[in-house]
Protein backbone atom coordinates (compact mmCIF):
# COMPACT_ATOMS: atom_id res chain seq x y z
CA MET A 1 0.00 0.00 0.00
CA ILE A 2 1.40 3.36 -1.06
CA LEU A 3 0.63 6.28 1.27
CA THR A 4 1.59 9.75 0.06
CA THR A 5 0.83 13.41 0.58
CA THR A 6 1.25 14.06 -3.15
CA GLN A 7 -1.64 14.03 -5.63
CA ASN A 8 -0.06 11.33 -7.79
CA VAL A 9 2.56 8.59 -7.75
CA GLU A 10 5.31 8.99 -10.30
CA GLY A 11 5.14 6.32 -12.99
CA ARG A 12 1.65 5.17 -11.97
CA GLU A 13 -1.64 6.20 -13.57
CA VAL A 14 -4.80 6.36 -11.47
CA GLN A 15 -7.47 4.03 -12.80
CA ASP A 16 -10.21 4.58 -10.23
CA TYR A 17 -10.89 6.89 -7.31
CA ARG A 18 -12.40 4.73 -4.57
CA GLY A 19 -13.28 7.55 -2.18
CA ILE A 20 -12.04 9.36 0.89
CA VAL A 21 -10.59 7.28 3.70
CA VAL A 22 -9.93 8.46 7.24
CA GLY A 23 -7.98 7.29 10.25
CA GLU A 24 -8.43 8.86 13.67
CA ALA A 25 -6.94 8.31 17.08
CA ILE A 26 -7.46 10.04 20.41
CA THR A 27 -4.96 9.35 23.15
CA GLY A 28 -4.60 10.85 26.58
CA ALA A 29 -1.64 11.74 28.69
CA ASN A 30 -1.88 10.46 32.23
CA PHE A 31 -1.31 12.32 35.49
CA VAL A 32 2.37 11.34 35.79
CA LYS A 33 3.12 12.48 32.25
CA ASP A 34 1.37 15.79 32.98
CA ILE A 35 3.60 16.36 36.02
CA PHE A 36 6.80 15.66 34.08
CA ALA A 37 5.59 17.81 31.19
CA SER A 38 4.95 20.69 33.61
CA VAL A 39 8.47 20.40 34.98
CA ARG A 40 9.86 20.23 31.45
CA ASP A 41 7.83 23.34 30.58
CA LEU A 42 9.51 25.23 33.45
CA VAL A 43 13.08 24.18 32.70
CA GLY A 44 12.79 23.92 28.91
CA GLY A 45 13.45 21.08 26.53
CA ARG A 46 11.39 18.45 24.81
CA SER A 47 8.69 16.38 26.44
CA GLY A 48 9.40 12.79 25.50
CA ALA A 49 6.20 11.55 27.15
CA TYR A 50 3.98 13.78 25.02
CA GLU A 51 6.02 13.10 21.89
CA ASN A 52 5.55 9.37 22.44
CA GLU A 53 1.78 9.82 22.83
CA LEU A 54 1.57 11.83 19.61
CA ASN A 55 3.71 9.27 17.78
CA ASN A 56 1.49 6.45 19.04
CA ALA A 57 -1.70 8.26 18.00
CA ARG A 58 -0.27 8.97 14.54
CA LYS A 59 0.65 5.29 14.06
CA ILE A 60 -2.86 4.20 15.07
CA ALA A 61 -4.47 6.73 12.70
CA PHE A 62 -2.27 5.65 9.77
CA LYS A 63 -3.09 2.00 10.46
CA GLU A 64 -6.84 2.77 10.40
CA LEU A 65 -6.46 4.76 7.18
CA GLU A 66 -4.59 1.90 5.50
CA GLU A 67 -7.10 -0.70 6.72
CA ASP A 68 -10.00 1.36 5.35
CA ALA A 69 -8.25 1.74 2.00
CA MET A 70 -7.48 -1.99 1.76
CA ALA A 71 -11.11 -2.82 2.63
CA ILE A 72 -12.28 -1.00 -0.51
CA GLY A 73 -9.60 -2.52 -2.74
CA ALA A 74 -7.29 0.49 -3.05
CA ASP A 75 -3.67 0.30 -4.16
CA ALA A 76 -2.74 3.63 -2.60
CA VAL A 77 -3.93 6.64 -0.65
CA ILE A 78 -2.95 9.95 -2.22
CA GLY A 79 -3.28 13.55 -1.05
CA ILE A 80 -2.92 12.59 2.61
CA ASP A 81 -3.56 15.37 5.12
CA ILE A 82 -2.61 15.03 8.79
CA ASP A 83 -4.31 17.16 11.46
CA TYR A 84 -3.48 17.41 15.14
CA GLU A 85 -5.76 18.79 17.87
CA VAL A 86 -5.52 19.08 21.65
CA LEU A 87 -8.70 18.13 23.51
CA GLY A 88 -10.04 17.84 27.04
CA GLN A 89 -10.54 20.18 29.98
CA SER A 90 -6.84 20.33 30.78
CA ASN A 91 -5.68 19.83 27.17
CA GLY A 92 -4.46 16.36 28.13
CA MET A 93 -5.80 14.47 25.12
CA PHE A 94 -4.48 14.40 21.56
CA LEU A 95 -6.49 13.85 18.39
CA VAL A 96 -4.71 12.83 15.21
CA SER A 97 -6.91 12.76 12.12
CA ILE A 98 -5.55 11.59 8.78
CA SER A 99 -7.49 11.64 5.51
CA GLY A 100 -6.76 11.00 1.87
CA THR A 101 -8.15 9.65 -1.38
CA ALA A 102 -8.07 5.90 -1.96
CA VAL A 103 -7.17 4.98 -5.54
CA THR A 104 -6.38 2.01 -7.74
CA PHE A 105 -3.75 2.07 -10.49
CA LYS A 106 -3.87 0.84 -14.09
């Protein structure tokens, strides 16, 4: 399965547009991660705990996107767009939403 942000794949001609596919994941940071992130915010630097949560959510969303595309017989997903949002009362949850167009090639 080819996944790309471009509108085409070099050397391949689109035969059929199967439709829009989406993958979404919402993950939350726990209390301990929030404490360490607060300390990191005070002293500066990167928050590995939050980066890991975002990375995990992105992997889940891409897996869902690919599964949806395979379920409708696609060879690739083109024009992929990735969106990130922070949710929850204390902004402790992350939403990763990925969408693109499922296609088959000639």
